[in-house]
Protein backbone atom coordinates (compact mmCIF):
# COMPACT_ATOMS: atom_id res chain seq x y z
CA UNK A 1 0.00 0.00 0.00
CA UNK A 2 2.85 2.35 0.82
CA UNK A 3 4.45 1.61 -2.53
CA UNK A 4 1.21 2.55 -4.31
CA UNK A 5 1.16 5.89 -2.49
CA UNK A 6 4.75 6.68 -3.49
CA UNK A 7 4.27 5.61 -7.10
CA UNK A 8 0.81 7.15 -7.48
CA UNK A 9 1.71 10.45 -5.82
CA UNK A 10 3.29 12.05 -8.90
CA UNK A 11 0.07 11.41 -10.84
CA UNK A 12 -1.50 14.34 -8.98
CA UNK A 13 0.82 16.80 -10.73
CA UNK A 14 0.47 15.40 -14.27
CA UNK A 15 -2.58 17.49 -15.32
CA UNK A 16 -0.87 20.68 -14.14
CA UNK A 17 2.21 19.88 -16.23
CA UNK A 18 0.09 19.70 -19.37
CA UNK A 19 -0.74 23.43 -19.26
CA UNK A 20 1.54 26.33 -20.17
CA UNK A 21 1.84 29.22 -17.74
CA UNK A 22 1.59 32.64 -19.37
CA UNK A 23 2.11 36.00 -17.66
CA UNK A 24 0.23 38.95 -19.08
CA UNK A 25 0.00 42.38 -17.40
CA UNK A 26 1.32 40.94 -14.13
CA UNK A 27 -1.30 38.16 -14.01
CA UNK A 28 -0.46 34.51 -14.50
CA UNK A 29 -2.77 32.48 -16.75
CA UNK A 30 -2.80 28.86 -17.75
CA UNK A 31 -2.95 28.22 -21.47
CA UNK A 32 -3.91 24.82 -22.72
CA UNK A 33 -2.76 23.54 -26.09
CA UNK A 34 -6.17 22.01 -26.75
CA UNK A 35 -9.66 22.49 -25.29
CA UNK A 36 -10.18 18.71 -25.09
CA UNK A 37 -6.97 18.36 -23.09
CA UNK A 38 -8.21 21.08 -20.73
CA UNK A 39 -11.50 19.21 -20.25
CA UNK A 40 -9.67 15.91 -19.71
CA UNK A 41 -7.36 17.49 -17.12
CA UNK A 42 -10.39 18.96 -15.33
CA UNK A 43 -12.08 15.57 -15.15
CA UNK A 44 -8.88 13.90 -13.91
CA UNK A 45 -8.38 16.61 -11.26
CA UNK A 46 -11.98 16.30 -10.10
CA UNK A 47 -11.61 12.55 -9.74
CA UNK A 48 -8.21 12.72 -8.03
CA UNK A 49 -9.01 15.55 -5.63
CA UNK A 50 -12.72 15.01 -4.94
CA UNK A 51 -14.35 11.72 -5.88
CA UNK A 52 -11.57 9.30 -4.90
CA UNK A 53 -10.88 10.87 -1.46
CA UNK A 54 -14.61 11.21 -0.67
CA UNK A 55 -15.16 7.61 -1.78
CA UNK A 56 -12.36 6.40 0.49
CA UNK A 57 -13.73 8.41 3.45
CA UNK A 58 -17.25 7.05 2.93
CA UNK A 59 -15.95 3.48 2.62
CA UNK A 60 -13.87 3.77 5.80
CA UNK A 61 -16.72 5.45 7.70
CA UNK A 62 -19.22 2.76 6.71
CA UNK A 63 -16.71 0.04 7.61
CA UNK A 64 -16.20 1.55 11.07
CA UNK A 65 -19.97 1.81 11.60
CA UNK A 66 -20.44 -1.84 10.61
CA UNK A 67 -17.79 -3.02 13.06
CA UNK A 68 -19.27 -0.91 15.87
CA UNK A 69 -22.77 -2.15 15.06
CA UNK A 70 -21.60 -5.77 15.16
CA UNK A 71 -19.90 -5.20 18.51
CA UNK A 72 -23.06 -3.64 19.92
CA UNK A 73 -25.12 -6.65 18.79
CA UNK A 74 -22.70 -8.97 20.59
CA UNK A 75 -22.89 -6.87 23.78
CA UNK A 76 -26.70 -6.79 23.73
CA UNK A 77 -26.87 -10.57 23.17
CA UNK A 78 -24.55 -11.14 26.12
CA UNK A 79 -26.73 -8.94 28.31
CA UNK A 80 -29.85 -10.79 27.25
CA UNK A 81 -28.26 -13.98 28.55
CA UNK A 82 -27.38 -12.26 31.85
CA UNK A 83 -23.61 -12.21 31.37
CA UNK A 84 -23.25 -8.44 31.03
CA UNK A 85 -25.03 -7.30 34.22
CA UNK A 86 -22.83 -5.76 36.88
CA UNK A 87 -25.41 -5.80 39.67
CA UNK A 88 -28.39 -7.96 40.50
CA UNK A 89 -30.91 -5.09 40.58
CA UNK A 90 -32.55 -6.22 37.37
CA UNK A 91 -31.75 -2.97 35.59
CA UNK A 92 -30.53 -3.22 32.03
CA UNK A 93 -27.36 -1.44 31.08
CA UNK A 94 -25.81 -1.24 27.65
CA UNK A 95 -22.06 -1.06 27.27
CA UNK A 96 -21.38 1.25 24.34
CA UNK A 97 -17.64 0.87 24.09
CA UNK A 98 -15.32 -1.86 25.22
CA UNK A 99 -12.33 -1.12 23.01
PDB file of N, CA and C in Angstrom:
ATOM      1  N   UNK A   1       0.824  -1.180   0.000  1.00  0.00           N
ATOM      2  CA  UNK A   1       0.000   0.000   0.000  1.00  0.00           C
ATOM      3  C   UNK A   1       0.877   1.255   0.000  1.00  0.00           C
ATOM      4  N   UNK A   2       1.941   1.204   0.769  1.00  0.00           N
ATOM      5  CA  UNK A   2       2.850   2.350   0.824  1.00  0.00           C
ATOM      6  C   UNK A   2       3.508   2.575  -0.534  1.00  0.00           C
ATOM      7  N   UNK A   3       3.847   1.505  -1.215  1.00  0.00           N
ATOM      8  CA  UNK A   3       4.455   1.611  -2.534  1.00  0.00           C
ATOM      9  C   UNK A   3       3.493   2.275  -3.522  1.00  0.00           C
ATOM     10  N   UNK A   4       2.210   1.922  -3.425  1.00  0.00           N
ATOM     11  CA  UNK A   4       1.213   2.546  -4.306  1.00  0.00           C
ATOM     12  C   UNK A   4       1.133   4.046  -4.060  1.00  0.00           C
ATOM     13  N   UNK A   5       1.213   4.462  -2.807  1.00  0.00           N
ATOM     14  CA  UNK A   5       1.161   5.892  -2.494  1.00  0.00           C
ATOM     15  C   UNK A   5       2.366   6.624  -3.081  1.00  0.00           C
ATOM     16  N   UNK A   6       3.544   6.024  -2.972  1.00  0.00           N
ATOM     17  CA  UNK A   6       4.751   6.679  -3.494  1.00  0.00           C
ATOM     18  C   UNK A   6       4.763   6.706  -5.024  1.00  0.00           C
ATOM     19  N   UNK A   7       4.281   5.650  -5.640  1.00  0.00           N
ATOM     20  CA  UNK A   7       4.271   5.606  -7.100  1.00  0.00           C
ATOM     21  C   UNK A   7       3.108   6.402  -7.684  1.00  0.00           C
ATOM     22  N   UNK A   8       1.977   6.434  -6.981  1.00  0.00           N
ATOM     23  CA  UNK A   8       0.813   7.150  -7.478  1.00  0.00           C
ATOM     24  C   UNK A   8       0.825   8.629  -7.163  1.00  0.00           C
ATOM     25  N   UNK A   9       1.651   9.046  -6.219  1.00  0.00           N
ATOM     26  CA  UNK A   9       1.712  10.451  -5.819  1.00  0.00           C
ATOM     27  C   UNK A   9       2.024  11.420  -6.948  1.00  0.00           C
ATOM     28  N   UNK A  10       3.001  11.127  -7.794  1.00  0.00           N
ATOM     29  CA  UNK A  10       3.293  12.050  -8.897  1.00  0.00           C
ATOM     30  C   UNK A  10       2.162  12.207  -9.900  1.00  0.00           C
ATOM     31  N   UNK A  11       1.200  11.291  -9.912  1.00  0.00           N
ATOM     32  CA  UNK A  11       0.073  11.409 -10.835  1.00  0.00           C
ATOM     33  C   UNK A  11      -0.764  12.658 -10.562  1.00  0.00           C
ATOM     34  N   UNK A  12      -0.731  13.139  -9.319  1.00  0.00           N
ATOM     35  CA  UNK A  12      -1.495  14.338  -8.982  1.00  0.00           C
ATOM     36  C   UNK A  12      -0.998  15.572  -9.725  1.00  0.00           C
ATOM     37  N   UNK A  13       0.277  15.613 -10.079  1.00  0.00           N
ATOM     38  CA  UNK A  13       0.823  16.799 -10.735  1.00  0.00           C
ATOM     39  C   UNK A  13       0.820  16.700 -12.261  1.00  0.00           C
ATOM     40  N   UNK A  14       0.442  15.563 -12.819  1.00  0.00           N
ATOM     41  CA  UNK A  14       0.472  15.399 -14.269  1.00  0.00           C
ATOM     42  C   UNK A  14      -0.452  16.379 -14.991  1.00  0.00           C
ATOM     43  N   UNK A  15      -1.725  16.538 -14.593  1.00  0.00           N
ATOM     44  CA  UNK A  15      -2.579  17.487 -15.324  1.00  0.00           C
ATOM     45  C   UNK A  15      -2.050  18.922 -15.303  1.00  0.00           C
ATOM     46  N   UNK A  16      -1.424  19.321 -14.226  1.00  0.00           N
ATOM     47  CA  UNK A  16      -0.875  20.676 -14.135  1.00  0.00           C
ATOM     48  C   UNK A  16       0.313  20.862 -15.098  1.00  0.00           C
ATOM     49  N   UNK A  17       1.048  19.800 -15.326  1.00  0.00           N
ATOM     50  CA  UNK A  17       2.212  19.881 -16.230  1.00  0.00           C
ATOM     51  C   UNK A  17       1.802  19.983 -17.694  1.00  0.00           C
ATOM     52  N   UNK A  18       0.548  19.654 -17.992  1.00  0.00           N
ATOM     53  CA  UNK A  18       0.089  19.699 -19.374  1.00  0.00           C
ATOM     54  C   UNK A  18      -0.234  21.124 -19.832  1.00  0.00           C
ATOM     55  N   UNK A  19      -0.416  22.043 -18.898  1.00  0.00           N
ATOM     56  CA  UNK A  19      -0.735  23.426 -19.262  1.00  0.00           C
ATOM     57  C   UNK A  19       0.548  24.247 -19.375  1.00  0.00           C
ATOM     58  N   UNK A  20       0.413  25.403 -20.009  1.00  0.00           N
ATOM     59  CA  UNK A  20       1.539  26.327 -20.173  1.00  0.00           C
ATOM     60  C   UNK A  20       1.192  27.598 -19.418  1.00  0.00           C
ATOM     61  N   UNK A  21       2.069  27.994 -18.496  1.00  0.00           N
ATOM     62  CA  UNK A  21       1.840  29.224 -17.745  1.00  0.00           C
ATOM     63  C   UNK A  21       2.227  30.424 -18.597  1.00  0.00           C
ATOM     64  N   UNK A  22       1.383  31.431 -18.573  1.00  0.00           N
ATOM     65  CA  UNK A  22       1.593  32.637 -19.371  1.00  0.00           C
ATOM     66  C   UNK A  22       1.327  33.847 -18.482  1.00  0.00           C
ATOM     67  N   UNK A  23       2.268  34.781 -18.462  1.00  0.00           N
ATOM     68  CA  UNK A  23       2.112  35.996 -17.660  1.00  0.00           C
ATOM     69  C   UNK A  23       1.793  37.161 -18.584  1.00  0.00           C
ATOM     70  N   UNK A  24       0.670  37.812 -18.275  1.00  0.00           N
ATOM     71  CA  UNK A  24       0.232  38.946 -19.082  1.00  0.00           C
ATOM     72  C   UNK A  24      -0.250  40.051 -18.149  1.00  0.00           C
ATOM     73  N   UNK A  25       0.337  41.234 -18.243  1.00  0.00           N
ATOM     74  CA  UNK A  25      -0.003  42.377 -17.396  1.00  0.00           C
ATOM     75  C   UNK A  25       0.092  42.042 -15.911  1.00  0.00           C
ATOM     76  N   UNK A  26       1.095  41.272 -15.535  1.00  0.00           N
ATOM     77  CA  UNK A  26       1.320  40.937 -14.135  1.00  0.00           C
ATOM     78  C   UNK A  26       0.419  39.841 -13.594  1.00  0.00           C
ATOM     79  N   UNK A  27      -0.394  39.235 -14.440  1.00  0.00           N
ATOM     80  CA  UNK A  27      -1.297  38.164 -14.013  1.00  0.00           C
ATOM     81  C   UNK A  27      -0.901  36.868 -14.719  1.00  0.00           C
ATOM     82  N   UNK A  28      -0.851  35.808 -13.947  1.00  0.00           N
ATOM     83  CA  UNK A  28      -0.465  34.509 -14.496  1.00  0.00           C
ATOM     84  C   UNK A  28      -1.703  33.748 -14.949  1.00  0.00           C
ATOM     85  N   UNK A  29      -1.678  33.247 -16.177  1.00  0.00           N
ATOM     86  CA  UNK A  29      -2.767  32.478 -16.753  1.00  0.00           C
ATOM     87  C   UNK A  29      -2.245  31.114 -17.173  1.00  0.00           C
ATOM     88  N   UNK A  30      -3.142  30.165 -17.203  1.00  0.00           N
ATOM     89  CA  UNK A  30      -2.805  28.856 -17.752  1.00  0.00           C
ATOM     90  C   UNK A  30      -3.364  28.786 -19.157  1.00  0.00           C
ATOM     91  N   UNK A  31      -2.519  28.426 -20.086  1.00  0.00           N
ATOM     92  CA  UNK A  31      -2.950  28.216 -21.468  1.00  0.00           C
ATOM     93  C   UNK A  31      -2.846  26.734 -21.766  1.00  0.00           C
ATOM     94  N   UNK A  32      -3.880  26.231 -22.361  1.00  0.00           N
ATOM     95  CA  UNK A  32      -3.913  24.818 -22.715  1.00  0.00           C
ATOM     96  C   UNK A  32      -3.758  24.680 -24.213  1.00  0.00           C
ATOM     97  N   UNK A  33      -2.958  23.707 -24.660  1.00  0.00           N
ATOM     98  CA  UNK A  33      -2.757  23.536 -26.094  1.00  0.00           C
ATOM     99  C   UNK A  33      -4.033  23.129 -26.833  1.00  0.00           C
ATOM    100  N   UNK A  34      -4.961  22.514 -26.111  1.00  0.00           N
ATOM    101  CA  UNK A  34      -6.175  22.007 -26.746  1.00  0.00           C
ATOM    102  C   UNK A  34      -7.318  22.061 -25.731  1.00  0.00           C
ATOM    103  N   UNK A  35      -8.511  22.414 -26.183  1.00  0.00           N
ATOM    104  CA  UNK A  35      -9.663  22.485 -25.288  1.00  0.00           C
ATOM    105  C   UNK A  35     -10.026  21.103 -24.750  1.00  0.00           C
ATOM    106  N   UNK A  36      -9.891  20.067 -25.556  1.00  0.00           N
ATOM    107  CA  UNK A  36     -10.184  18.710 -25.095  1.00  0.00           C
ATOM    108  C   UNK A  36      -9.205  18.276 -24.003  1.00  0.00           C
ATOM    109  N   UNK A  37      -7.957  18.670 -24.123  1.00  0.00           N
ATOM    110  CA  UNK A  37      -6.967  18.361 -23.094  1.00  0.00           C
ATOM    111  C   UNK A  37      -7.312  19.083 -21.793  1.00  0.00           C
ATOM    112  N   UNK A  38      -7.792  20.323 -21.902  1.00  0.00           N
ATOM    113  CA  UNK A  38      -8.209  21.082 -20.726  1.00  0.00           C
ATOM    114  C   UNK A  38      -9.386  20.388 -20.036  1.00  0.00           C
ATOM    115  N   UNK A  39     -10.352  19.927 -20.804  1.00  0.00           N
ATOM    116  CA  UNK A  39     -11.499  19.209 -20.255  1.00  0.00           C
ATOM    117  C   UNK A  39     -11.060  17.897 -19.602  1.00  0.00           C
ATOM    118  N   UNK A  40     -10.178  17.166 -20.261  1.00  0.00           N
ATOM    119  CA  UNK A  40      -9.671  15.910 -19.714  1.00  0.00           C
ATOM    120  C   UNK A  40      -8.938  16.146 -18.390  1.00  0.00           C
ATOM    121  N   UNK A  41      -8.103  17.177 -18.352  1.00  0.00           N
ATOM    122  CA  UNK A  41      -7.363  17.487 -17.123  1.00  0.00           C
ATOM    123  C   UNK A  41      -8.324  17.883 -16.004  1.00  0.00           C
ATOM    124  N   UNK A  42      -9.392  18.596 -16.337  1.00  0.00           N
ATOM    125  CA  UNK A  42     -10.386  18.956 -15.331  1.00  0.00           C
ATOM    126  C   UNK A  42     -11.094  17.746 -14.759  1.00  0.00           C
ATOM    127  N   UNK A  43     -11.430  16.794 -15.616  1.00  0.00           N
ATOM    128  CA  UNK A  43     -12.082  15.570 -15.151  1.00  0.00           C
ATOM    129  C   UNK A  43     -11.121  14.762 -14.277  1.00  0.00           C
ATOM    130  N   UNK A  44      -9.875  14.651 -14.697  1.00  0.00           N
ATOM    131  CA  UNK A  44      -8.879  13.905 -13.911  1.00  0.00           C
ATOM    132  C   UNK A  44      -8.682  14.572 -12.554  1.00  0.00           C
ATOM    133  N   UNK A  45      -8.545  15.896 -12.533  1.00  0.00           N
ATOM    134  CA  UNK A  45      -8.379  16.609 -11.263  1.00  0.00           C
ATOM    135  C   UNK A  45      -9.583  16.408 -10.353  1.00  0.00           C
ATOM    136  N   UNK A  46     -10.779  16.478 -10.914  1.00  0.00           N
ATOM    137  CA  UNK A  46     -11.979  16.298 -10.102  1.00  0.00           C
ATOM    138  C   UNK A  46     -12.009  14.901  -9.489  1.00  0.00           C
ATOM    139  N   UNK A  47     -11.636  13.914 -10.264  1.00  0.00           N
ATOM    140  CA  UNK A  47     -11.608  12.547  -9.737  1.00  0.00           C
ATOM    141  C   UNK A  47     -10.530  12.387  -8.670  1.00  0.00           C
ATOM    142  N   UNK A  48      -9.325  12.888  -8.952  1.00  0.00           N
ATOM    143  CA  UNK A  48      -8.211  12.716  -8.026  1.00  0.00           C
ATOM    144  C   UNK A  48      -8.384  13.498  -6.734  1.00  0.00           C
ATOM    145  N   UNK A  49      -8.936  14.689  -6.811  1.00  0.00           N
ATOM    146  CA  UNK A  49      -9.012  15.548  -5.635  1.00  0.00           C
ATOM    147  C   UNK A  49     -10.357  15.517  -4.936  1.00  0.00           C
ATOM    148  N   UNK A  50     -11.408  14.995  -5.565  1.00  0.00           N
ATOM    149  CA  UNK A  50     -12.724  15.009  -4.944  1.00  0.00           C
ATOM    150  C   UNK A  50     -13.315  13.610  -4.809  1.00  0.00           C
ATOM    151  N   UNK A  51     -13.598  12.961  -5.925  1.00  0.00           N
ATOM    152  CA  UNK A  51     -14.352  11.717  -5.878  1.00  0.00           C
ATOM    153  C   UNK A  51     -13.596  10.574  -5.206  1.00  0.00           C
ATOM    154  N   UNK A  52     -12.339  10.401  -5.510  1.00  0.00           N
ATOM    155  CA  UNK A  52     -11.570   9.302  -4.900  1.00  0.00           C
ATOM    156  C   UNK A  52     -11.413   9.507  -3.395  1.00  0.00           C
ATOM    157  N   UNK A  53     -10.983  10.695  -2.919  1.00  0.00           N
ATOM    158  CA  UNK A  53     -10.885  10.874  -1.456  1.00  0.00           C
ATOM    159  C   UNK A  53     -12.232  10.746  -0.739  1.00  0.00           C
ATOM    160  N   UNK A  54     -13.293  11.319  -1.305  1.00  0.00           N
ATOM    161  CA  UNK A  54     -14.611  11.206  -0.669  1.00  0.00           C
ATOM    162  C   UNK A  54     -15.060   9.744  -0.656  1.00  0.00           C
ATOM    163  N   UNK A  55     -14.816   9.025  -1.738  1.00  0.00           N
ATOM    164  CA  UNK A  55     -15.159   7.609  -1.778  1.00  0.00           C
ATOM    165  C   UNK A  55     -14.422   6.805  -0.717  1.00  0.00           C
ATOM    166  N   UNK A  56     -13.152   7.095  -0.535  1.00  0.00           N
ATOM    167  CA  UNK A  56     -12.362   6.401   0.494  1.00  0.00           C
ATOM    168  C   UNK A  56     -12.896   6.735   1.883  1.00  0.00           C
ATOM    169  N   UNK A  57     -13.204   8.015   2.135  1.00  0.00           N
ATOM    170  CA  UNK A  57     -13.730   8.406   3.446  1.00  0.00           C
ATOM    171  C   UNK A  57     -15.077   7.758   3.735  1.00  0.00           C
ATOM    172  N   UNK A  58     -15.942   7.692   2.741  1.00  0.00           N
ATOM    173  CA  UNK A  58     -17.251   7.048   2.932  1.00  0.00           C
ATOM    174  C   UNK A  58     -17.067   5.559   3.196  1.00  0.00           C
ATOM    175  N   UNK A  59     -16.207   4.904   2.427  1.00  0.00           N
ATOM    176  CA  UNK A  59     -15.953   3.478   2.624  1.00  0.00           C
ATOM    177  C   UNK A  59     -15.424   3.192   4.029  1.00  0.00           C
ATOM    178  N   UNK A  60     -14.454   3.976   4.471  1.00  0.00           N
ATOM    179  CA  UNK A  60     -13.873   3.771   5.802  1.00  0.00           C
ATOM    180  C   UNK A  60     -14.912   4.053   6.888  1.00  0.00           C
ATOM    181  N   UNK A  61     -15.688   5.127   6.720  1.00  0.00           N
ATOM    182  CA  UNK A  61     -16.716   5.446   7.704  1.00  0.00           C
ATOM    183  C   UNK A  61     -17.765   4.358   7.822  1.00  0.00           C
ATOM    184  N   UNK A  62     -18.232   3.838   6.697  1.00  0.00           N
ATOM    185  CA  UNK A  62     -19.222   2.759   6.710  1.00  0.00           C
ATOM    186  C   UNK A  62     -18.619   1.497   7.323  1.00  0.00           C
ATOM    187  N   UNK A  63     -17.366   1.212   7.026  1.00  0.00           N
ATOM    188  CA  UNK A  63     -16.714   0.038   7.614  1.00  0.00           C
ATOM    189  C   UNK A  63     -16.623   0.158   9.131  1.00  0.00           C
ATOM    190  N   UNK A  64     -16.278   1.332   9.617  1.00  0.00           N
ATOM    191  CA  UNK A  64     -16.203   1.547  11.067  1.00  0.00           C
ATOM    192  C   UNK A  64     -17.585   1.375  11.696  1.00  0.00           C
ATOM    193  N   UNK A  65     -18.610   1.945  11.067  1.00  0.00           N
ATOM    194  CA  UNK A  65     -19.966   1.811  11.601  1.00  0.00           C
ATOM    195  C   UNK A  65     -20.427   0.356  11.631  1.00  0.00           C
ATOM    196  N   UNK A  66     -20.080  -0.420  10.620  1.00  0.00           N
ATOM    197  CA  UNK A  66     -20.440  -1.844  10.606  1.00  0.00           C
ATOM    198  C   UNK A  66     -19.787  -2.597  11.756  1.00  0.00           C
ATOM    199  N   UNK A  67     -18.498  -2.333  11.971  1.00  0.00           N
ATOM    200  CA  UNK A  67     -17.788  -3.015  13.060  1.00  0.00           C
ATOM    201  C   UNK A  67     -18.399  -2.629  14.405  1.00  0.00           C
ATOM    202  N   UNK A  68     -18.669  -1.337  14.608  1.00  0.00           N
ATOM    203  CA  UNK A  68     -19.271  -0.907  15.867  1.00  0.00           C
ATOM    204  C   UNK A  68     -20.667  -1.500  16.047  1.00  0.00           C
ATOM    205  N   UNK A  69     -21.433  -1.572  14.975  1.00  0.00           N
ATOM    206  CA  UNK A  69     -22.768  -2.154  15.056  1.00  0.00           C
ATOM    207  C   UNK A  69     -22.699  -3.634  15.420  1.00  0.00           C
ATOM    208  N   UNK A  70     -21.757  -4.350  14.826  1.00  0.00           N
ATOM    209  CA  UNK A  70     -21.597  -5.772  15.157  1.00  0.00           C
ATOM    210  C   UNK A  70     -21.180  -5.959  16.609  1.00  0.00           C
ATOM    211  N   UNK A  71     -20.315  -5.100  17.109  1.00  0.00           N
ATOM    212  CA  UNK A  71     -19.896  -5.199  18.513  1.00  0.00           C
ATOM    213  C   UNK A  71     -21.057  -4.902  19.452  1.00  0.00           C
ATOM    214  N   UNK A  72     -21.904  -3.952  19.088  1.00  0.00           N
ATOM    215  CA  UNK A  72     -23.063  -3.638  19.924  1.00  0.00           C
ATOM    216  C   UNK A  72     -24.033  -4.818  19.959  1.00  0.00           C
ATOM    217  N   UNK A  73     -24.230  -5.497  18.824  1.00  0.00           N
ATOM    218  CA  UNK A  73     -25.120  -6.654  18.788  1.00  0.00           C
ATOM    219  C   UNK A  73     -24.606  -7.754  19.708  1.00  0.00           C
ATOM    220  N   UNK A  74     -23.297  -7.958  19.727  1.00  0.00           N
ATOM    221  CA  UNK A  74     -22.701  -8.973  20.589  1.00  0.00           C
ATOM    222  C   UNK A  74     -22.909  -8.590  22.049  1.00  0.00           C
ATOM    223  N   UNK A  75     -22.723  -7.319  22.401  1.00  0.00           N
ATOM    224  CA  UNK A  75     -22.886  -6.865  23.783  1.00  0.00           C
ATOM    225  C   UNK A  75     -24.334  -7.031  24.235  1.00  0.00           C
ATOM    226  N   UNK A  76     -25.280  -6.679  23.373  1.00  0.00           N
ATOM    227  CA  UNK A  76     -26.698  -6.794  23.732  1.00  0.00           C
ATOM    228  C   UNK A  76     -27.080  -8.255  23.900  1.00  0.00           C
ATOM    229  N   UNK A  77     -26.577  -9.135  23.044  1.00  0.00           N
ATOM    230  CA  UNK A  77     -26.874 -10.569  23.166  1.00  0.00           C
ATOM    231  C   UNK A  77     -26.331 -11.119  24.480  1.00  0.00           C
ATOM    232  N   UNK A  78     -25.128 -10.684  24.856  1.00  0.00           N
ATOM    233  CA  UNK A  78     -24.549 -11.145  26.124  1.00  0.00           C
ATOM    234  C   UNK A  78     -25.392 -10.672  27.297  1.00  0.00           C
ATOM    235  N   UNK A  79     -25.899  -9.455  27.220  1.00  0.00           N
ATOM    236  CA  UNK A  79     -26.728  -8.945  28.307  1.00  0.00           C
ATOM    237  C   UNK A  79     -28.046  -9.691  28.393  1.00  0.00           C
ATOM    238  N   UNK A  80     -28.598 -10.044  27.249  1.00  0.00           N
ATOM    239  CA  UNK A  80     -29.853 -10.788  27.249  1.00  0.00           C
ATOM    240  C   UNK A  80     -29.690 -12.132  27.947  1.00  0.00           C
ATOM    241  N   UNK A  81     -28.518 -12.703  27.889  1.00  0.00           N
ATOM    242  CA  UNK A  81     -28.258 -13.980  28.553  1.00  0.00           C
ATOM    243  C   UNK A  81     -27.874 -13.786  30.015  1.00  0.00           C
ATOM    244  N   UNK A  82     -27.701 -12.518  30.456  1.00  0.00           N
ATOM    245  CA  UNK A  82     -27.377 -12.261  31.854  1.00  0.00           C
ATOM    246  C   UNK A  82     -25.899 -12.194  32.140  1.00  0.00           C
ATOM    247  N   UNK A  83     -25.042 -12.228  31.135  1.00  0.00           N
ATOM    248  CA  UNK A  83     -23.608 -12.210  31.370  1.00  0.00           C
ATOM    249  C   UNK A  83     -23.060 -10.794  31.504  1.00  0.00           C
ATOM    250  N   UNK A  84     -23.783  -9.793  31.038  1.00  0.00           N
ATOM    251  CA  UNK A  84     -23.247  -8.436  31.031  1.00  0.00           C
ATOM    252  C   UNK A  84     -23.701  -7.581  32.188  1.00  0.00           C
ATOM    253  N   UNK A  85     -24.533  -8.106  33.125  1.00  0.00           N
ATOM    254  CA  UNK A  85     -25.030  -7.298  34.220  1.00  0.00           C
ATOM    255  C   UNK A  85     -23.985  -7.198  35.308  1.00  0.00           C
ATOM    256  N   UNK A  86     -23.815  -5.983  35.821  1.00  0.00           N
ATOM    257  CA  UNK A  86     -22.830  -5.756  36.881  1.00  0.00           C
ATOM    258  C   UNK A  86     -23.456  -5.947  38.262  1.00  0.00           C
ATOM    259  N   UNK A  87     -24.751  -5.652  38.371  1.00  0.00           N
ATOM    260  CA  UNK A  87     -25.412  -5.801  39.666  1.00  0.00           C
ATOM    261  C   UNK A  87     -26.678  -6.619  39.481  1.00  0.00           C
ATOM    262  N   UNK A  88     -27.204  -7.126  40.565  1.00  0.00           N
ATOM    263  CA  UNK A  88     -28.389  -7.962  40.497  1.00  0.00           C
ATOM    264  C   UNK A  88     -29.677  -7.194  40.702  1.00  0.00           C
ATOM    265  N   UNK A  89     -29.717  -5.905  40.381  1.00  0.00           N
ATOM    266  CA  UNK A  89     -30.909  -5.088  40.585  1.00  0.00           C
ATOM    267  C   UNK A  89     -31.934  -5.281  39.481  1.00  0.00           C
ATOM    268  N   UNK A  90     -31.618  -5.978  38.449  1.00  0.00           N
ATOM    269  CA  UNK A  90     -32.550  -6.217  37.370  1.00  0.00           C
ATOM    270  C   UNK A  90     -32.594  -5.090  36.349  1.00  0.00           C
ATOM    271  N   UNK A  91     -31.787  -4.075  36.530  1.00  0.00           N
ATOM    272  CA  UNK A  91     -31.750  -2.966  35.587  1.00  0.00           C
ATOM    273  C   UNK A  91     -30.889  -3.365  34.398  1.00  0.00           C
ATOM    274  N   UNK A  92     -31.319  -2.936  33.224  1.00  0.00           N
ATOM    275  CA  UNK A  92     -30.534  -3.220  32.032  1.00  0.00           C
ATOM    276  C   UNK A  92     -29.550  -2.092  31.795  1.00  0.00           C
ATOM    277  N   UNK A  93     -28.351  -2.453  31.458  1.00  0.00           N
ATOM    278  CA  UNK A  93     -27.357  -1.444  31.083  1.00  0.00           C
ATOM    279  C   UNK A  93     -26.695  -1.895  29.800  1.00  0.00           C
ATOM    280  N   UNK A  94     -26.422  -0.937  28.936  1.00  0.00           N
ATOM    281  CA  UNK A  94     -25.813  -1.237  27.652  1.00  0.00           C
ATOM    282  C   UNK A  94     -24.419  -0.662  27.658  1.00  0.00           C
ATOM    283  N   UNK A  95     -23.444  -1.498  27.363  1.00  0.00           N
ATOM    284  CA  UNK A  95     -22.064  -1.057  27.273  1.00  0.00           C
ATOM    285  C   UNK A  95     -21.844  -0.595  25.840  1.00  0.00           C
ATOM    286  N   UNK A  96     -21.521   0.697  25.674  1.00  0.00           N
ATOM    287  CA  UNK A  96     -21.376   1.247  24.343  1.00  0.00           C
ATOM    288  C   UNK A  96     -19.999   0.949  23.786  1.00  0.00           C
ATOM    289  N   UNK A  97     -18.987   1.053  24.605  1.00  0.00           N
ATOM    290  CA  UNK A  97     -17.635   0.873  24.094  1.00  0.00           C
ATOM    291  C   UNK A  97     -16.850  -0.022  25.022  1.00  0.00           C
ATOM    292  N   UNK A  98     -16.190  -0.987  24.460  1.00  0.00           N
ATOM    293  CA  UNK A  98     -15.318  -1.856  25.216  1.00  0.00           C
ATOM    294  C   UNK A  98     -14.055  -2.099  24.399  1.00  0.00           C
ATOM    295  N   UNK A  99     -13.481  -1.009  23.906  1.00  0.00           N
ATOM    296  CA  UNK A  99     -12.333  -1.118  23.011  1.00  0.00           C
ATOM    297  C   UNK A  99     -11.048  -1.229  23.738  1.00  0.00           C
TER     298      UNK A  99
END
